[in-house]
PDB file of all heavy atoms in Angstrom:
ATOM      1  N   PHE A   1      98.748 109.571  80.452  1.00  0.00           N
ATOM      2  CA  PHE A   1      97.815 110.681  80.309  1.00  0.00           C
ATOM      3  C   PHE A   1      97.299 110.742  78.874  1.00  0.00           C
ATOM      4  O   PHE A   1      96.122 110.908  78.617  1.00  0.00           O
ATOM      5  CB  PHE A   1      98.489 112.017  80.636  1.00  0.00           C
ATOM      6  CG  PHE A   1      98.984 112.102  82.049  1.00  0.00           C
ATOM      7  CD1 PHE A   1      99.932 113.052  82.382  1.00  0.00           C
ATOM      8  CD2 PHE A   1      98.526 111.238  83.024  1.00  0.00           C
ATOM      9  CE1 PHE A   1     100.382 113.143  83.682  1.00  0.00           C
ATOM     10  CE2 PHE A   1      98.973 111.333  84.322  1.00  0.00           C
ATOM     11  CZ  PHE A   1      99.912 112.284  84.644  1.00  0.00           C
ATOM     12  N   ALA A   2      98.226 110.599  77.920  1.00  0.00           N
ATOM     13  CA  ALA A   2      97.882 110.765  76.510  1.00  0.00           C
ATOM     14  C   ALA A   2      96.898 109.698  76.068  1.00  0.00           C
ATOM     15  O   ALA A   2      96.019 109.953  75.254  1.00  0.00           O
ATOM     16  CB  ALA A   2      99.138 110.689  75.650  1.00  0.00           C
ATOM     17  N   ALA A   3      97.031 108.497  76.606  1.00  0.00           N
ATOM     18  CA  ALA A   3      96.157 107.408  76.198  1.00  0.00           C
ATOM     19  C   ALA A   3      94.704 107.702  76.547  1.00  0.00           C
ATOM     20  O   ALA A   3      93.798 107.474  75.742  1.00  0.00           O
ATOM     21  CB  ALA A   3      96.574 106.100  76.865  1.00  0.00           C
ATOM     22  N   VAL A   4      94.462 108.236  77.739  1.00  0.00           N
ATOM     23  CA  VAL A   4      93.098 108.577  78.124  1.00  0.00           C
ATOM     24  C   VAL A   4      92.614 109.774  77.330  1.00  0.00           C
ATOM     25  O   VAL A   4      91.459 109.860  76.920  1.00  0.00           O
ATOM     26  CB  VAL A   4      93.006 108.877  79.634  1.00  0.00           C
ATOM     27  CG1 VAL A   4      91.568 109.215  80.014  1.00  0.00           C
ATOM     28  CG2 VAL A   4      93.485 107.678  80.437  1.00  0.00           C
ATOM     29  N   LEU A   5      93.522 110.745  77.054  1.00  0.00           N
ATOM     30  CA  LEU A   5      93.131 111.936  76.312  1.00  0.00           C
ATOM     31  C   LEU A   5      92.713 111.598  74.893  1.00  0.00           C
ATOM     32  O   LEU A   5      91.751 112.152  74.369  1.00  0.00           O
ATOM     33  CB  LEU A   5      94.293 112.943  76.284  1.00  0.00           C
ATOM     34  CG  LEU A   5      93.989 114.284  75.610  1.00  0.00           C
ATOM     35  CD1 LEU A   5      92.802 114.959  76.277  1.00  0.00           C
ATOM     36  CD2 LEU A   5      95.209 115.182  75.632  1.00  0.00           C
ATOM     37  N   VAL A   6      93.434 110.650  74.277  1.00  0.00           N
ATOM     38  CA  VAL A   6      93.070 110.228  72.920  1.00  0.00           C
ATOM     39  C   VAL A   6      91.663 109.648  72.924  1.00  0.00           C
ATOM     40  O   VAL A   6      90.837 109.932  72.049  1.00  0.00           O
ATOM     41  CB  VAL A   6      94.078 109.196  72.372  1.00  0.00           C
ATOM     42  CG1 VAL A   6      93.530 108.520  71.116  1.00  0.00           C
ATOM     43  CG2 VAL A   6      95.399 109.859  72.070  1.00  0.00           C
ATOM     44  N   ALA A   7      91.370 108.857  73.939  1.00  0.00           N
ATOM     45  CA  ALA A   7      90.026 108.279  74.041  1.00  0.00           C
ATOM     46  C   ALA A   7      88.984 109.380  74.206  1.00  0.00           C
ATOM     47  O   ALA A   7      87.880 109.306  73.678  1.00  0.00           O
ATOM     48  CB  ALA A   7      89.959 107.300  75.205  1.00  0.00           C
ATOM     49  N   PHE A   8      89.331 110.415  74.962  1.00  0.00           N
ATOM     50  CA  PHE A   8      88.420 111.548  75.167  1.00  0.00           C
ATOM     51  C   PHE A   8      88.129 112.232  73.844  1.00  0.00           C
ATOM     52  O   PHE A   8      86.968 112.562  73.551  1.00  0.00           O
ATOM     53  CB  PHE A   8      89.068 112.522  76.149  1.00  0.00           C
ATOM     54  CG  PHE A   8      88.302 113.807  76.327  1.00  0.00           C
ATOM     55  CD1 PHE A   8      86.975 113.772  76.736  1.00  0.00           C
ATOM     56  CD2 PHE A   8      88.904 115.025  76.115  1.00  0.00           C
ATOM     57  CE1 PHE A   8      86.264 114.940  76.910  1.00  0.00           C
ATOM     58  CE2 PHE A   8      88.213 116.190  76.294  1.00  0.00           C
ATOM     59  CZ  PHE A   8      86.877 116.154  76.695  1.00  0.00           C
ATOM     60  N   MET A   9      89.164 112.417  73.021  1.00  0.00           N
ATOM     61  CA  MET A   9      88.963 113.076  71.744  1.00  0.00           C
ATOM     62  C   MET A   9      88.089 112.235  70.819  1.00  0.00           C
ATOM     63  O   MET A   9      87.376 112.757  69.962  1.00  0.00           O
ATOM     64  CB  MET A   9      90.325 113.322  71.071  1.00  0.00           C
ATOM     65  CG  MET A   9      91.222 114.286  71.847  1.00  0.00           C
ATOM     66  SD  MET A   9      90.470 115.915  72.067  1.00  0.00           S
ATOM     67  CE  MET A   9      90.503 116.500  70.375  1.00  0.00           C
ATOM     68  N   CYS A  10      88.087 110.916  71.063  1.00  0.00           N
ATOM     69  CA  CYS A  10      87.287 110.038  70.199  1.00  0.00           C
ATOM     70  C   CYS A  10      85.806 110.120  70.506  1.00  0.00           C
ATOM     71  O   CYS A  10      84.981 109.580  69.765  1.00  0.00           O
ATOM     72  CB  CYS A  10      87.759 108.583  70.356  1.00  0.00           C
ATOM     73  SG  CYS A  10      89.377 108.266  69.642  1.00  0.00           S
ATOM     74  N   VAL A  11      85.441 110.786  71.616  1.00  0.00           N
ATOM     75  CA  VAL A  11      84.028 110.830  71.991  1.00  0.00           C
ATOM     76  C   VAL A  11      83.156 111.428  70.913  1.00  0.00           C
ATOM     77  O   VAL A  11      81.984 111.095  70.783  1.00  0.00           O
ATOM     78  CB  VAL A  11      83.860 111.615  73.310  1.00  0.00           C
ATOM     79  CG1 VAL A  11      84.098 113.090  73.098  1.00  0.00           C
ATOM     80  CG2 VAL A  11      82.479 111.388  73.898  1.00  0.00           C
ATOM     81  N   PHE A  12      83.738 112.289  70.071  1.00  0.00           N
ATOM     82  CA  PHE A  12      82.955 112.949  69.031  1.00  0.00           C
ATOM     83  C   PHE A  12      82.593 111.990  67.893  1.00  0.00           C
ATOM     84  O   PHE A  12      81.726 112.301  67.082  1.00  0.00           O
ATOM     85  CB  PHE A  12      83.717 114.147  68.476  1.00  0.00           C
ATOM     86  CG  PHE A  12      83.995 115.177  69.527  1.00  0.00           C
ATOM     87  CD1 PHE A  12      85.256 115.323  70.066  1.00  0.00           C
ATOM     88  CD2 PHE A  12      82.977 115.993  70.001  1.00  0.00           C
ATOM     89  CE1 PHE A  12      85.502 116.271  71.058  1.00  0.00           C
ATOM     90  CE2 PHE A  12      83.215 116.946  70.989  1.00  0.00           C
ATOM     91  CZ  PHE A  12      84.491 117.067  71.515  1.00  0.00           C
ATOM     92  N   SER A  13      83.260 110.845  67.828  1.00  0.00           N
ATOM     93  CA  SER A  13      82.930 109.882  66.788  1.00  0.00           C
ATOM     94  C   SER A  13      82.218 108.655  67.323  1.00  0.00           C
ATOM     95  O   SER A  13      82.007 107.691  66.621  1.00  0.00           O
ATOM     96  CB  SER A  13      84.215 109.442  66.061  1.00  0.00           C
ATOM     97  OG  SER A  13      85.088 108.783  66.967  1.00  0.00           O
ATOM     98  N   VAL A  14      81.799 108.717  68.583  1.00  0.00           N
ATOM     99  CA  VAL A  14      81.192 107.559  69.219  1.00  0.00           C
ATOM    100  C   VAL A  14      79.858 107.198  68.596  1.00  0.00           C
ATOM    101  O   VAL A  14      79.514 106.034  68.427  1.00  0.00           O
ATOM    102  CB  VAL A  14      81.017 107.804  70.730  1.00  0.00           C
ATOM    103  CG1 VAL A  14      80.162 106.708  71.358  1.00  0.00           C
ATOM    104  CG2 VAL A  14      82.366 107.824  71.412  1.00  0.00           C
ATOM    105  N   ALA A  15      79.072 108.215  68.220  1.00  0.00           N
ATOM    106  CA  ALA A  15      77.720 107.963  67.723  1.00  0.00           C
ATOM    107  C   ALA A  15      77.728 107.001  66.559  1.00  0.00           C
ATOM    108  O   ALA A  15      76.845 106.137  66.438  1.00  0.00           O
ATOM    109  CB  ALA A  15      77.066 109.277  67.320  1.00  0.00           C
ATOM    110  N   ALA A  16      78.723 107.100  65.688  1.00  0.00           N
ATOM    111  CA  ALA A  16      78.754 106.268  64.490  1.00  0.00           C
ATOM    112  C   ALA A  16      78.996 104.802  64.818  1.00  0.00           C
ATOM    113  O   ALA A  16      78.683 103.915  64.051  1.00  0.00           O
ATOM    114  CB  ALA A  16      79.837 106.771  63.528  1.00  0.00           C
ATOM    115  N   THR A  17      79.607 104.517  65.972  1.00  0.00           N
ATOM    116  CA  THR A  17      79.956 103.146  66.319  1.00  0.00           C
ATOM    117  C   THR A  17      79.270 102.699  67.578  1.00  0.00           C
ATOM    118  O   THR A  17      79.638 101.709  68.188  1.00  0.00           O
ATOM    119  CB  THR A  17      81.477 103.018  66.520  1.00  0.00           C
ATOM    120  OG1 THR A  17      81.890 103.917  67.569  1.00  0.00           O
ATOM    121  CG2 THR A  17      82.229 103.353  65.258  1.00  0.00           C
ATOM    122  N   ASN A  18      78.202 103.409  67.974  1.00  0.00           N
ATOM    123  CA  ASN A  18      77.540 103.132  69.244  1.00  0.00           C
ATOM    124  C   ASN A  18      77.006 101.706  69.316  1.00  0.00           C
ATOM    125  O   ASN A  18      77.083 101.055  70.344  1.00  0.00           O
ATOM    126  CB  ASN A  18      76.405 104.119  69.480  1.00  0.00           C
ATOM    127  CG  ASN A  18      75.928 104.093  70.920  1.00  0.00           C
ATOM    128  OD1 ASN A  18      76.743 104.143  71.829  1.00  0.00           O
ATOM    129  ND2 ASN A  18      74.635 103.996  71.111  1.00  0.00           N
ATOM    130  N   SER A  19      76.463 101.199  68.213  1.00  0.00           N
ATOM    131  CA  SER A  19      75.895  99.857  68.235  1.00  0.00           C
ATOM    132  C   SER A  19      76.965  98.812  68.481  1.00  0.00           C
ATOM    133  O   SER A  19      76.717  97.780  69.107  1.00  0.00           O
ATOM    134  CB  SER A  19      75.187  99.555  66.906  1.00  0.00           C
ATOM    135  OG  SER A  19      76.091  99.660  65.828  1.00  0.00           O
ATOM    136  N   VAL A  20      78.187  99.071  68.005  1.00  0.00           N
ATOM    137  CA  VAL A  20      79.293  98.151  68.247  1.00  0.00           C
ATOM    138  C   VAL A  20      79.744  98.226  69.680  1.00  0.00           C
ATOM    139  O   VAL A  20      79.928  97.213  70.361  1.00  0.00           O
ATOM    140  CB  VAL A  20      80.476  98.473  67.300  1.00  0.00           C
ATOM    141  CG1 VAL A  20      81.651  97.575  67.636  1.00  0.00           C
ATOM    142  CG2 VAL A  20      80.060  98.257  65.859  1.00  0.00           C
ATOM    143  N   ARG A  21      79.881  99.452  70.196  1.00  0.00           N
ATOM    144  CA  ARG A  21      80.376  99.638  71.544  1.00  0.00           C
ATOM    145  C   ARG A  21      79.443  99.022  72.589  1.00  0.00           C
ATOM    146  O   ARG A  21      79.861  98.537  73.604  1.00  0.00           O
ATOM    147  CB  ARG A  21      80.568 101.129  71.835  1.00  0.00           C
ATOM    148  CG  ARG A  21      81.685 101.746  70.999  1.00  0.00           C
ATOM    149  CD  ARG A  21      81.968 103.163  71.438  1.00  0.00           C
ATOM    150  NE  ARG A  21      83.006 103.750  70.631  1.00  0.00           N
ATOM    151  CZ  ARG A  21      84.301 103.547  70.812  1.00  0.00           C
ATOM    152  NH1 ARG A  21      84.694 102.741  71.762  1.00  0.00           N
ATOM    153  NH2 ARG A  21      85.200 104.113  70.037  1.00  0.00           N
ATOM    154  N   ARG A  22      78.164  99.087  72.344  1.00  0.00           N
ATOM    155  CA  ARG A  22      77.203  98.609  73.321  1.00  0.00           C
ATOM    156  C   ARG A  22      77.021  97.093  73.267  1.00  0.00           C
ATOM    157  O   ARG A  22      76.358  96.512  74.106  1.00  0.00           O
ATOM    158  CB  ARG A  22      75.848  99.277  73.096  1.00  0.00           C
ATOM    159  CG  ARG A  22      75.883 100.776  73.351  1.00  0.00           C
ATOM    160  CD  ARG A  22      76.121 101.107  74.808  1.00  0.00           C
ATOM    161  NE  ARG A  22      76.273 102.532  74.989  1.00  0.00           N
ATOM    162  CZ  ARG A  22      76.458 103.100  76.167  1.00  0.00           C
ATOM    163  NH1 ARG A  22      76.536 102.377  77.250  1.00  0.00           N
ATOM    164  NH2 ARG A  22      76.566 104.419  76.268  1.00  0.00           N
ATOM    165  N   ALA A  23      77.634  96.450  72.253  1.00  0.00           N
ATOM    166  CA  ALA A  23      77.437  95.003  72.120  1.00  0.00           C
ATOM    167  C   ALA A  23      78.276  94.209  73.112  1.00  0.00           C
ATOM    168  O   ALA A  23      77.965  93.074  73.400  1.00  0.00           O
ATOM    169  CB  ALA A  23      77.801  94.576  70.690  1.00  0.00           C
ATOM    170  N   VAL A  24      79.364  94.808  73.619  1.00  0.00           N
ATOM    171  CA  VAL A  24      80.274  94.067  74.481  1.00  0.00           C
ATOM    172  C   VAL A  24      80.148  94.411  75.953  1.00  0.00           C
ATOM    173  O   VAL A  24      80.028  93.526  76.787  1.00  0.00           O
ATOM    174  CB  VAL A  24      81.741  94.300  74.015  1.00  0.00           C
ATOM    175  CG1 VAL A  24      82.705  93.581  74.947  1.00  0.00           C
ATOM    176  CG2 VAL A  24      81.918  93.797  72.587  1.00  0.00           C
ATOM    177  N   PRO A  25      80.148  95.717  76.361  1.00  0.00           N
ATOM    178  CA  PRO A  25      80.199  96.044  77.768  1.00  0.00           C
ATOM    179  C   PRO A  25      78.919  95.732  78.533  1.00  0.00           C
ATOM    180  O   PRO A  25      77.852  95.554  77.950  1.00  0.00           O
ATOM    181  CB  PRO A  25      80.488  97.556  77.784  1.00  0.00           C
ATOM    182  CG  PRO A  25      80.949  97.867  76.404  1.00  0.00           C
ATOM    183  CD  PRO A  25      80.231  96.913  75.523  1.00  0.00           C
ATOM    184  N   ARG A  26      79.047  95.680  79.855  1.00  0.00           N
ATOM    185  CA  ARG A  26      77.917  95.518  80.759  1.00  0.00           C
ATOM    186  C   ARG A  26      77.845  96.741  81.649  1.00  0.00           C
ATOM    187  O   ARG A  26      78.851  97.366  81.949  1.00  0.00           O
ATOM    188  CB  ARG A  26      78.117  94.292  81.646  1.00  0.00           C
ATOM    189  CG  ARG A  26      78.351  93.010  80.889  1.00  0.00           C
ATOM    190  CD  ARG A  26      78.792  91.911  81.835  1.00  0.00           C
ATOM    191  NE  ARG A  26      80.068  92.216  82.455  1.00  0.00           N
ATOM    192  CZ  ARG A  26      81.245  91.978  81.882  1.00  0.00           C
ATOM    193  NH1 ARG A  26      81.291  91.430  80.684  1.00  0.00           N
ATOM    194  NH2 ARG A  26      82.370  92.257  82.498  1.00  0.00           N
ATOM    195  N   ALA A  27      76.663  97.045  82.137  1.00  0.00           N
ATOM    196  CA  ALA A  27      76.529  98.125  83.108  1.00  0.00           C
ATOM    197  C   ALA A  27      77.057  97.634  84.444  1.00  0.00           C
ATOM    198  O   ALA A  27      76.827  96.500  84.852  1.00  0.00           O
ATOM    199  CB  ALA A  27      75.073  98.522  83.244  1.00  0.00           C
ATOM    200  N   ALA A  28      77.833  98.480  85.138  1.00  0.00           N
ATOM    201  CA  ALA A  28      78.380  98.107  86.436  1.00  0.00           C
ATOM    202  C   ALA A  28      77.242  97.916  87.429  1.00  0.00           C
ATOM    203  O   ALA A  28      76.363  98.747  87.554  1.00  0.00           O
ATOM    204  CB  ALA A  28      79.331  99.187  86.939  1.00  0.00           C
ATOM    205  N   GLY A  29      77.275  96.801  88.121  1.00  0.00           N
ATOM    206  CA  GLY A  29      76.200  96.505  89.068  1.00  0.00           C
ATOM    207  C   GLY A  29      76.722  96.226  90.442  1.00  0.00           C
ATOM    208  O   GLY A  29      77.925  96.122  90.678  1.00  0.00           O
ATOM    209  N   ALA A  30      75.823  96.115  91.408  1.00  0.00           N
ATOM    210  CA  ALA A  30      76.206  95.827  92.782  1.00  0.00           C
ATOM    211  C   ALA A  30      76.680  94.397  92.896  1.00  0.00           C
ATOM    212  O   ALA A  30      76.315  93.519  92.137  1.00  0.00           O
ATOM    213  CB  ALA A  30      75.014  96.060  93.708  1.00  0.00           C
ATOM    214  N   ALA A  31      77.514  94.149  93.889  1.00  0.00           N
ATOM    215  CA  ALA A  31      78.073  92.822  94.092  1.00  0.00           C
ATOM    216  C   ALA A  31      77.344  92.076  95.179  1.00  0.00           C
ATOM    217  O   ALA A  31      77.803  91.079  95.695  1.00  0.00           O
ATOM    218  CB  ALA A  31      79.558  92.948  94.444  1.00  0.00           C
ATOM    219  N   GLY A  32      76.127  92.532  95.549  1.00  0.00           N
ATOM    220  CA  GLY A  32      75.318  91.838  96.526  1.00  0.00           C
ATOM    221  C   GLY A  32      76.003  91.732  97.880  1.00  0.00           C
ATOM    222  O   GLY A  32      76.609  92.662  98.363  1.00  0.00           O
TER     223      GLY A  32
END
């Protein structure tokens, strides 16, 4: 529980690292 909660608290600092975060993930798509 705590691990997800810590990530939730980090949402307030996401803007500063948004360019880094968006460099790796992909948008979830359909599997055809």
